[in-house]
């Protein structure tokens, strides 16, 4: 590559090329360190970047997290309505994409992602839950899974299960486009205003990569986000009196909807 390329952004689409490092390669190392074969996870899964969700599952079901992957991506098995499920947690941002790829490599095929988001429109309020119908790819991960495009899209059928389950829930659940960016403290006003004018209602760190990983790996991925703050008025705000962000009381309804929607989806796919 000539020197003339070194002063421009990297816009190189290599999504059709194989990767020299896949989850299976990492699992071979984990097997040596753990001294046991890689586990096989249930097909129906929830991935969360909200730690309270793991605590809820472990307390409800008496299960213990398994950190087989040695990457701080623990998972816990449980059963709901006769359906085997797994909850896995990860750090926020790009790290969650690796955790999702690991889950898929261990056997999951239908995943609901749970995370947080900020409102960028007056249509969305703090304490709402939000189901993204598509996610603007203003981040760094999705382009390594899918060729360039403006939006990444969730599984329509799993999103429909979430929308159906959320209908009439006591906590408001809204839906629409999301803006995904991983630069937490660089949500520049011109971007926010332009993407809001384009129709985006919330901003989030993980939706677009999660959808891209799912599409690239051929699995269903949808998302349910917990609105913990608002940027709709041009500044970061958390309303006075709002509970501490993403703790058990705040996070439980989000998890309950996801589990019920996943069970609904599982029953429908088994018919």
C-alpha atoms as a PDB file:
ATOM      1  CA  UNK A   1       0.000   0.000   0.000  1.00  0.00           C
ATOM      2  CA  UNK A   2       1.462   3.365  -1.000  1.00  0.00           C
ATOM      3  CA  UNK A   3       2.081   6.204   1.463  1.00  0.00           C
ATOM      4  CA  UNK A   4      -0.717   8.228  -0.110  1.00  0.00           C
ATOM      5  CA  UNK A   5      -3.272   6.063   1.718  1.00  0.00           C
ATOM      6  CA  UNK A   6      -1.981   6.783   5.198  1.00  0.00           C
ATOM      7  CA  UNK A   7      -3.598  10.194   5.628  1.00  0.00           C
ATOM      8  CA  UNK A   8      -7.203   9.138   4.973  1.00  0.00           C
ATOM      9  CA  UNK A   9      -9.684   7.173   7.144  1.00  0.00           C
ATOM     10  CA  UNK A  10      -9.722   3.398   6.843  1.00  0.00           C
ATOM     11  CA  UNK A  11     -12.762   2.626   4.685  1.00  0.00           C
ATOM     12  CA  UNK A  12     -11.713  -0.848   3.615  1.00  0.00           C
ATOM     13  CA  UNK A  13     -14.506  -3.413   3.337  1.00  0.00           C
ATOM     14  CA  UNK A  14     -13.030  -6.801   4.276  1.00  0.00           C
ATOM     15  CA  UNK A  15     -16.283  -8.369   5.487  1.00  0.00           C
ATOM     16  CA  UNK A  16     -16.080 -11.129   2.867  1.00  0.00           C
ATOM     17  CA  UNK A  17     -12.601 -12.184   4.012  1.00  0.00           C
ATOM     18  CA  UNK A  18     -12.040 -14.794   6.731  1.00  0.00           C
ATOM     19  CA  UNK A  19     -10.814 -13.688  10.145  1.00  0.00           C
ATOM     20  CA  UNK A  20      -7.573 -15.062  11.547  1.00  0.00           C
ATOM     21  CA  UNK A  21      -9.111 -15.015  15.034  1.00  0.00           C
ATOM     22  CA  UNK A  22     -12.539 -16.572  15.578  1.00  0.00           C
ATOM     23  CA  UNK A  23     -14.364 -17.530  18.804  1.00  0.00           C
ATOM     24  CA  UNK A  24     -13.491 -21.193  18.177  1.00  0.00           C
ATOM     25  CA  UNK A  25      -9.784 -20.329  18.326  1.00  0.00           C
ATOM     26  CA  UNK A  26     -10.279 -18.605  21.676  1.00  0.00           C
ATOM     27  CA  UNK A  27     -12.312 -21.525  23.022  1.00  0.00           C
ATOM     28  CA  UNK A  28      -9.441 -23.927  22.337  1.00  0.00           C
ATOM     29  CA  UNK A  29      -7.337 -21.805  24.677  1.00  0.00           C
ATOM     30  CA  UNK A  30     -10.134 -21.605  27.255  1.00  0.00           C
ATOM     31  CA  UNK A  31     -10.490 -25.396  27.240  1.00  0.00           C
ATOM     32  CA  UNK A  32      -6.803 -25.772  28.082  1.00  0.00           C
ATOM     33  CA  UNK A  33      -6.981 -23.224  30.900  1.00  0.00           C
ATOM     34  CA  UNK A  34     -10.356 -24.373  32.290  1.00  0.00           C
ATOM     35  CA  UNK A  35      -9.578 -28.078  31.898  1.00  0.00           C
ATOM     36  CA  UNK A  36     -13.036 -28.820  30.477  1.00  0.00           C
ATOM     37  CA  UNK A  37     -14.719 -28.822  27.082  1.00  0.00           C
ATOM     38  CA  UNK A  38     -16.601 -25.794  25.898  1.00  0.00           C
ATOM     39  CA  UNK A  39     -20.243 -25.773  27.036  1.00  0.00           C
ATOM     40  CA  UNK A  40     -23.215 -25.848  24.692  1.00  0.00           C
ATOM     41  CA  UNK A  41     -25.666 -23.047  25.449  1.00  0.00           C
ATOM     42  CA  UNK A  42     -29.439 -23.083  24.907  1.00  0.00           C
ATOM     43  CA  UNK A  43     -30.787 -21.631  21.671  1.00  0.00           C
ATOM     44  CA  UNK A  44     -32.753 -18.892  23.454  1.00  0.00           C
ATOM     45  CA  UNK A  45     -30.661 -16.195  25.099  1.00  0.00           C
ATOM     46  CA  UNK A  46     -30.511 -12.749  26.622  1.00  0.00           C
ATOM     47  CA  UNK A  47     -27.368 -10.645  26.571  1.00  0.00           C
ATOM     48  CA  UNK A  48     -27.182  -7.679  28.931  1.00  0.00           C
ATOM     49  CA  UNK A  49     -24.720  -4.914  29.742  1.00  0.00           C
ATOM     50  CA  UNK A  50     -26.663  -4.151  32.937  1.00  0.00           C
ATOM     51  CA  UNK A  51     -25.086  -6.108  35.849  1.00  0.00           C
ATOM     52  CA  UNK A  52     -28.329  -6.127  37.873  1.00  0.00           C
ATOM     53  CA  UNK A  53     -29.851  -8.569  35.392  1.00  0.00           C
ATOM     54  CA  UNK A  54     -27.360 -11.289  36.316  1.00  0.00           C
ATOM     55  CA  UNK A  55     -28.048 -10.755  40.007  1.00  0.00           C
ATOM     56  CA  UNK A  56     -31.792 -11.065  39.408  1.00  0.00           C
ATOM     57  CA  UNK A  57     -31.452 -14.331  37.479  1.00  0.00           C
ATOM     58  CA  UNK A  58     -29.099 -15.890  40.017  1.00  0.00           C
ATOM     59  CA  UNK A  59     -31.360 -14.982  42.939  1.00  0.00           C
ATOM     60  CA  UNK A  60     -34.541 -16.143  41.227  1.00  0.00           C
ATOM     61  CA  UNK A  61     -33.216 -19.441  39.911  1.00  0.00           C
ATOM     62  CA  UNK A  62     -30.424 -20.327  42.315  1.00  0.00           C
ATOM     63  CA  UNK A  63     -27.945 -20.509  39.486  1.00  0.00           C
ATOM     64  CA  UNK A  64     -24.257 -19.565  39.445  1.00  0.00           C
ATOM     65  CA  UNK A  65     -22.490 -17.621  36.659  1.00  0.00           C
ATOM     66  CA  UNK A  66     -20.030 -19.524  34.479  1.00  0.00           C
ATOM     67  CA  UNK A  67     -17.035 -17.589  33.145  1.00  0.00           C
ATOM     68  CA  UNK A  68     -15.793 -20.295  30.744  1.00  0.00           C
ATOM     69  CA  UNK A  69     -14.624 -17.742  28.182  1.00  0.00           C
ATOM     70  CA  UNK A  70     -12.236 -16.097  30.687  1.00  0.00           C
ATOM     71  CA  UNK A  71     -13.208 -12.716  29.234  1.00  0.00           C
ATOM     72  CA  UNK A  72     -15.582 -11.360  31.878  1.00  0.00           C
ATOM     73  CA  UNK A  73     -18.526 -12.550  29.790  1.00  0.00           C
ATOM     74  CA  UNK A  74     -20.226 -14.787  32.398  1.00  0.00           C
ATOM     75  CA  UNK A  75     -23.425 -16.642  31.588  1.00  0.00           C
ATOM     76  CA  UNK A  76     -26.083 -18.307  33.717  1.00  0.00           C
ATOM     77  CA  UNK A  77     -28.498 -21.041  32.663  1.00  0.00           C
ATOM     78  CA  UNK A  78     -32.124 -20.989  33.759  1.00  0.00           C
ATOM     79  CA  UNK A  79     -35.546 -22.237  32.722  1.00  0.00           C
ATOM     80  CA  UNK A  80     -38.710 -20.250  32.124  1.00  0.00           C
ATOM     81  CA  UNK A  81     -42.081 -21.763  31.267  1.00  0.00           C
ATOM     82  CA  UNK A  82     -40.372 -25.043  30.402  1.00  0.00           C
ATOM     83  CA  UNK A  83     -37.919 -23.377  27.997  1.00  0.00           C
ATOM     84  CA  UNK A  84     -34.174 -23.520  28.586  1.00  0.00           C
ATOM     85  CA  UNK A  85     -32.554 -20.093  28.397  1.00  0.00           C
ATOM     86  CA  UNK A  86     -29.252 -18.410  29.136  1.00  0.00           C
ATOM     87  CA  UNK A  87     -28.436 -14.907  30.323  1.00  0.00           C
ATOM     88  CA  UNK A  88     -24.961 -13.561  29.576  1.00  0.00           C
ATOM     89  CA  UNK A  89     -23.524 -10.239  30.666  1.00  0.00           C
ATOM     90  CA  UNK A  90     -20.771  -8.078  29.251  1.00  0.00           C
ATOM     91  CA  UNK A  91     -19.201  -4.669  29.585  1.00  0.00           C
ATOM     92  CA  UNK A  92     -20.747  -1.912  27.498  1.00  0.00           C
ATOM     93  CA  UNK A  93     -19.627  -0.738  24.072  1.00  0.00           C
ATOM     94  CA  UNK A  94     -17.560  -2.754  21.618  1.00  0.00           C
ATOM     95  CA  UNK A  95     -16.788  -5.413  24.246  1.00  0.00           C
ATOM     96  CA  UNK A  96     -20.420  -6.542  24.116  1.00  0.00           C
ATOM     97  CA  UNK A  97     -20.066  -7.479  20.449  1.00  0.00           C
ATOM     98  CA  UNK A  98     -17.330  -9.963  21.283  1.00  0.00           C
ATOM     99  CA  UNK A  99     -19.463 -11.411  24.053  1.00  0.00           C
ATOM    100  CA  UNK A 100     -22.370 -11.834  21.641  1.00  0.00           C
ATOM    101  CA  UNK A 101     -20.141 -13.550  19.082  1.00  0.00           C
ATOM    102  CA  UNK A 102     -18.967 -15.949  21.807  1.00  0.00           C
ATOM    103  CA  UNK A 103     -22.571 -16.761  22.787  1.00  0.00           C
ATOM    104  CA  UNK A 104     -23.427 -17.554  19.183  1.00  0.00           C
ATOM    105  CA  UNK A 105     -20.374 -19.769  18.808  1.00  0.00           C
ATOM    106  CA  UNK A 106     -21.503 -21.674  21.927  1.00  0.00           C
ATOM    107  CA  UNK A 107     -24.918 -22.418  20.455  1.00  0.00           C
ATOM    108  CA  UNK A 108     -27.398 -19.568  20.945  1.00  0.00           C
ATOM    109  CA  UNK A 109     -29.591 -18.742  17.950  1.00  0.00           C
ATOM    110  CA  UNK A 110     -32.157 -16.226  19.213  1.00  0.00           C
ATOM    111  CA  UNK A 111     -30.888 -13.324  21.361  1.00  0.00           C
ATOM    112  CA  UNK A 112     -32.512 -10.308  22.970  1.00  0.00           C
ATOM    113  CA  UNK A 113     -29.972  -7.631  23.849  1.00  0.00           C
ATOM    114  CA  UNK A 114     -30.633  -5.503  26.946  1.00  0.00           C
ATOM    115  CA  UNK A 115     -28.895  -2.194  27.490  1.00  0.00           C
ATOM    116  CA  UNK A 116     -29.328   1.439  28.310  1.00  0.00           C
ATOM    117  CA  UNK A 117     -29.976   4.451  26.106  1.00  0.00           C
ATOM    118  CA  UNK A 118     -30.504   8.182  26.220  1.00  0.00           C
ATOM    119  CA  UNK A 119     -33.474   9.970  24.706  1.00  0.00           C
ATOM    120  CA  UNK A 120     -32.676  12.496  21.967  1.00  0.00           C
ATOM    121  CA  UNK A 121     -36.308  13.363  21.204  1.00  0.00           C
ATOM    122  CA  UNK A 122     -39.148  14.697  23.342  1.00  0.00           C
ATOM    123  CA  UNK A 123     -41.154  11.662  22.176  1.00  0.00           C
ATOM    124  CA  UNK A 124     -39.084   9.503  24.541  1.00  0.00           C
ATOM    125  CA  UNK A 125     -38.951  10.009  28.307  1.00  0.00           C
ATOM    126  CA  UNK A 126     -36.636   8.792  31.041  1.00  0.00           C
ATOM    127  CA  UNK A 127     -37.973   5.470  32.423  1.00  0.00           C
ATOM    128  CA  UNK A 128     -39.444   4.459  29.060  1.00  0.00           C
ATOM    129  CA  UNK A 129     -38.316   1.183  27.555  1.00  0.00           C
ATOM    130  CA  UNK A 130     -37.406   1.277  23.874  1.00  0.00           C
ATOM    131  CA  UNK A 131     -37.320  -1.312  21.065  1.00  0.00           C
ATOM    132  CA  UNK A 132     -35.058  -0.252  18.162  1.00  0.00           C
ATOM    133  CA  UNK A 133     -36.480  -0.960  14.710  1.00  0.00           C
ATOM    134  CA  UNK A 134     -33.129  -0.092  13.111  1.00  0.00           C
ATOM    135  CA  UNK A 135     -29.841   1.413  14.274  1.00  0.00           C
ATOM    136  CA  UNK A 136     -27.720   4.085  12.595  1.00  0.00           C
ATOM    137  CA  UNK A 137     -24.179   2.769  12.237  1.00  0.00           C
ATOM    138  CA  UNK A 138     -22.138   5.658  13.645  1.00  0.00           C
ATOM    139  CA  UNK A 139     -19.671   3.337  15.391  1.00  0.00           C
ATOM    140  CA  UNK A 140     -16.636   1.136  14.798  1.00  0.00           C
ATOM    141  CA  UNK A 141     -17.669  -2.530  15.006  1.00  0.00           C
ATOM    142  CA  UNK A 142     -20.534  -3.251  12.615  1.00  0.00           C
ATOM    143  CA  UNK A 143     -18.464  -2.481   9.522  1.00  0.00           C
ATOM    144  CA  UNK A 144     -16.249  -5.469  10.285  1.00  0.00           C
ATOM    145  CA  UNK A 145     -19.311  -7.752  10.126  1.00  0.00           C
ATOM    146  CA  UNK A 146     -21.445  -6.230   7.357  1.00  0.00           C
ATOM    147  CA  UNK A 147     -20.604  -4.177   4.253  1.00  0.00           C
ATOM    148  CA  UNK A 148     -21.160  -0.428   4.579  1.00  0.00           C
ATOM    149  CA  UNK A 149     -24.746   0.748   4.852  1.00  0.00           C
ATOM    150  CA  UNK A 150     -26.424   3.480   6.847  1.00  0.00           C
ATOM    151  CA  UNK A 151     -28.452   1.261   9.186  1.00  0.00           C
ATOM    152  CA  UNK A 152     -28.213  -2.160  10.793  1.00  0.00           C
ATOM    153  CA  UNK A 153     -31.487  -4.008  11.286  1.00  0.00           C
ATOM    154  CA  UNK A 154     -32.681  -6.399  13.999  1.00  0.00           C
ATOM    155  CA  UNK A 155     -34.475  -9.673  13.433  1.00  0.00           C
ATOM    156  CA  UNK A 156     -37.976  -8.646  12.437  1.00  0.00           C
ATOM    157  CA  UNK A 157     -39.645 -11.705  13.905  1.00  0.00           C
ATOM    158  CA  UNK A 158     -37.899 -11.414  17.278  1.00  0.00           C
ATOM    159  CA  UNK A 159     -38.575  -7.669  17.343  1.00  0.00           C
ATOM    160  CA  UNK A 160     -42.245  -8.425  16.665  1.00  0.00           C
ATOM    161  CA  UNK A 161     -42.284 -10.782  19.658  1.00  0.00           C
ATOM    162  CA  UNK A 162     -40.905  -7.979  21.827  1.00  0.00           C
ATOM    163  CA  UNK A 163     -43.439  -5.471  20.501  1.00  0.00           C
ATOM    164  CA  UNK A 164     -46.307  -7.896  21.127  1.00  0.00           C
ATOM    165  CA  UNK A 165     -45.156  -8.711  24.660  1.00  0.00           C
ATOM    166  CA  UNK A 166     -44.639  -5.035  25.488  1.00  0.00           C
ATOM    167  CA  UNK A 167     -48.110  -4.019  24.326  1.00  0.00           C
ATOM    168  CA  UNK A 168     -50.110  -2.894  27.349  1.00  0.00           C
ATOM    169  CA  UNK A 169     -47.232  -3.273  29.805  1.00  0.00           C
ATOM    170  CA  UNK A 170     -47.472  -0.995  32.835  1.00  0.00           C
ATOM    171  CA  UNK A 171     -44.154   0.628  31.953  1.00  0.00           C
ATOM    172  CA  UNK A 172     -44.201   2.619  28.675  1.00  0.00           C
ATOM    173  CA  UNK A 173     -42.493   0.763  25.826  1.00  0.00           C
ATOM    174  CA  UNK A 174     -41.828   2.724  22.629  1.00  0.00           C
ATOM    175  CA  UNK A 175     -40.065   1.896  19.381  1.00  0.00           C
ATOM    176  CA  UNK A 176     -38.321   3.463  16.412  1.00  0.00           C
ATOM    177  CA  UNK A 177     -34.859   4.157  14.983  1.00  0.00           C
ATOM    178  CA  UNK A 178     -31.809   4.461  17.242  1.00  0.00           C
ATOM    179  CA  UNK A 179     -28.463   6.193  16.773  1.00  0.00           C
ATOM    180  CA  UNK A 180     -25.499   4.026  17.799  1.00  0.00           C
ATOM    181  CA  UNK A 181     -22.207   5.674  18.739  1.00  0.00           C
ATOM    182  CA  UNK A 182     -19.462   4.327  21.016  1.00  0.00           C
ATOM    183  CA  UNK A 183     -17.783   7.642  21.835  1.00  0.00           C
ATOM    184  CA  UNK A 184     -19.600   8.265  25.111  1.00  0.00           C
ATOM    185  CA  UNK A 185     -18.430  11.843  25.536  1.00  0.00           C
ATOM    186  CA  UNK A 186     -18.374  12.894  21.875  1.00  0.00           C
ATOM    187  CA  UNK A 187     -22.078  12.979  21.061  1.00  0.00           C
ATOM    188  CA  UNK A 188     -21.614  16.226  19.161  1.00  0.00           C
ATOM    189  CA  UNK A 189     -24.596  18.540  18.871  1.00  0.00           C
ATOM    190  CA  UNK A 190     -24.542  18.677  15.024  1.00  0.00           C
ATOM    191  CA  UNK A 191     -24.697  14.869  14.878  1.00  0.00           C
ATOM    192  CA  UNK A 192     -27.473  14.646  17.450  1.00  0.00           C
ATOM    193  CA  UNK A 193     -29.568  17.245  15.649  1.00  0.00           C
ATOM    194  CA  UNK A 194     -28.980  15.746  12.207  1.00  0.00           C
ATOM    195  CA  UNK A 195     -29.759  12.192  13.285  1.00  0.00           C
ATOM    196  CA  UNK A 196     -32.812  13.300  15.242  1.00  0.00           C
ATOM    197  CA  UNK A 197     -34.047  15.088  12.104  1.00  0.00           C
ATOM    198  CA  UNK A 198     -33.467  11.803  10.263  1.00  0.00           C
ATOM    199  CA  UNK A 199     -35.844  10.088  12.695  1.00  0.00           C
ATOM    200  CA  UNK A 200     -33.637   8.634  15.423  1.00  0.00           C
ATOM    201  CA  UNK A 201     -35.271   8.822  18.853  1.00  0.00           C
ATOM    202  CA  UNK A 202     -32.552   7.496  21.182  1.00  0.00           C
ATOM    203  CA  UNK A 203     -28.775   7.123  21.344  1.00  0.00           C
ATOM    204  CA  UNK A 204     -27.108   3.885  22.440  1.00  0.00           C
ATOM    205  CA  UNK A 205     -23.697   2.200  22.335  1.00  0.00           C
ATOM    206  CA  UNK A 206     -24.441  -1.368  21.230  1.00  0.00           C
ATOM    207  CA  UNK A 207     -27.558  -1.756  19.056  1.00  0.00           C
ATOM    208  CA  UNK A 208     -26.023  -1.467  15.581  1.00  0.00           C
ATOM    209  CA  UNK A 209     -23.126  -3.865  16.285  1.00  0.00           C
ATOM    210  CA  UNK A 210     -25.465  -6.376  17.937  1.00  0.00           C
ATOM    211  CA  UNK A 211     -27.721  -6.385  14.880  1.00  0.00           C
ATOM    212  CA  UNK A 212     -24.718  -6.652  12.553  1.00  0.00           C
ATOM    213  CA  UNK A 213     -23.219  -9.582  14.468  1.00  0.00           C
ATOM    214  CA  UNK A 214     -26.578 -11.347  14.382  1.00  0.00           C
ATOM    215  CA  UNK A 215     -27.047 -10.838  10.663  1.00  0.00           C
ATOM    216  CA  UNK A 216     -23.472 -11.839   9.826  1.00  0.00           C
ATOM    217  CA  UNK A 217     -23.711 -14.998  11.936  1.00  0.00           C
ATOM    218  CA  UNK A 218     -27.223 -15.892  10.758  1.00  0.00           C
ATOM    219  CA  UNK A 219     -29.019 -15.628  14.104  1.00  0.00           C
ATOM    220  CA  UNK A 220     -31.947 -13.572  15.407  1.00  0.00           C
ATOM    221  CA  UNK A 221     -30.988 -10.512  17.448  1.00  0.00           C
ATOM    222  CA  UNK A 222     -33.389  -7.872  18.780  1.00  0.00           C
ATOM    223  CA  UNK A 223     -32.980  -5.264  21.518  1.00  0.00           C
ATOM    224  CA  UNK A 224     -34.866  -3.737  24.434  1.00  0.00           C
ATOM    225  CA  UNK A 225     -33.297  -0.589  25.897  1.00  0.00           C
ATOM    226  CA  UNK A 226     -33.820   1.152  29.221  1.00  0.00           C
ATOM    227  CA  UNK A 227     -33.992   4.965  28.875  1.00  0.00           C
ATOM    228  CA  UNK A 228     -31.927   6.309  31.757  1.00  0.00           C
ATOM    229  CA  UNK A 229     -31.280   9.900  30.684  1.00  0.00           C
ATOM    230  CA  UNK A 230     -32.202  12.479  28.070  1.00  0.00           C
ATOM    231  CA  UNK A 231     -30.197  14.671  25.706  1.00  0.00           C
ATOM    232  CA  UNK A 232     -33.296  15.996  23.976  1.00  0.00           C
ATOM    233  CA  UNK A 233     -32.741  19.563  25.188  1.00  0.00           C
ATOM    234  CA  UNK A 234     -29.097  19.754  24.151  1.00  0.00           C
ATOM    235  CA  UNK A 235     -27.572  18.658  27.444  1.00  0.00           C
ATOM    236  CA  UNK A 236     -27.340  15.553  29.611  1.00  0.00           C
ATOM    237  CA  UNK A 237     -30.200  15.347  32.090  1.00  0.00           C
ATOM    238  CA  UNK A 238     -31.475  12.828  34.625  1.00  0.00           C
ATOM    239  CA  UNK A 239     -34.753  14.086  36.142  1.00  0.00           C
ATOM    240  CA  UNK A 240     -34.808  14.767  39.875  1.00  0.00           C
ATOM    241  CA  UNK A 241     -36.259  11.806  41.741  1.00  0.00           C
ATOM    242  CA  UNK A 242     -35.199   9.237  39.174  1.00  0.00           C
ATOM    243  CA  UNK A 243     -34.050   5.996  40.782  1.00  0.00           C
ATOM    244  CA  UNK A 244     -30.366   5.135  40.602  1.00  0.00           C
ATOM    245  CA  UNK A 245     -29.705   4.119  37.022  1.00  0.00           C
ATOM    246  CA  UNK A 246     -30.142   0.470  36.110  1.00  0.00           C
ATOM    247  CA  UNK A 247     -30.365  -1.040  39.595  1.00  0.00           C
ATOM    248  CA  UNK A 248     -32.611  -4.021  40.378  1.00  0.00           C
ATOM    249  CA  UNK A 249     -35.899  -2.157  40.761  1.00  0.00           C
ATOM    250  CA  UNK A 250     -35.226  -0.191  37.594  1.00  0.00           C
ATOM    251  CA  UNK A 251     -33.899  -3.125  35.571  1.00  0.00           C
ATOM    252  CA  UNK A 252     -36.328  -5.918  36.499  1.00  0.00           C
ATOM    253  CA  UNK A 253     -39.243  -4.889  34.200  1.00  0.00           C
ATOM    254  CA  UNK A 254     -36.883  -4.778  31.223  1.00  0.00           C
ATOM    255  CA  UNK A 255     -35.648  -8.288  31.975  1.00  0.00           C
ATOM    256  CA  UNK A 256     -39.167  -9.634  32.562  1.00  0.00           C
ATOM    257  CA  UNK A 257     -40.417  -8.384  29.191  1.00  0.00           C
ATOM    258  CA  UNK A 258     -37.405  -9.891  27.439  1.00  0.00           C
ATOM    259  CA  UNK A 259     -37.873 -13.295  29.076  1.00  0.00           C
ATOM    260  CA  UNK A 260     -41.606 -13.356  28.290  1.00  0.00           C
ATOM    261  CA  UNK A 261     -40.980 -12.276  24.689  1.00  0.00           C
ATOM    262  CA  UNK A 262     -38.299 -14.930  24.259  1.00  0.00           C
ATOM    263  CA  UNK A 263     -40.692 -17.582  25.592  1.00  0.00           C
ATOM    264  CA  UNK A 264     -43.408 -16.335  23.235  1.00  0.00           C
ATOM    265  CA  UNK A 265     -40.964 -16.525  20.342  1.00  0.00           C
ATOM    266  CA  UNK A 266     -39.799 -20.016  21.344  1.00  0.00           C
ATOM    267  CA  UNK A 267     -43.351 -21.372  21.447  1.00  0.00           C
ATOM    268  CA  UNK A 268     -44.103 -19.840  18.050  1.00  0.00           C
ATOM    269  CA  UNK A 269     -40.994 -21.332  16.436  1.00  0.00           C
ATOM    270  CA  UNK A 270     -41.758 -24.791  17.814  1.00  0.00           C
ATOM    271  CA  UNK A 271     -45.190 -24.983  16.188  1.00  0.00           C
END
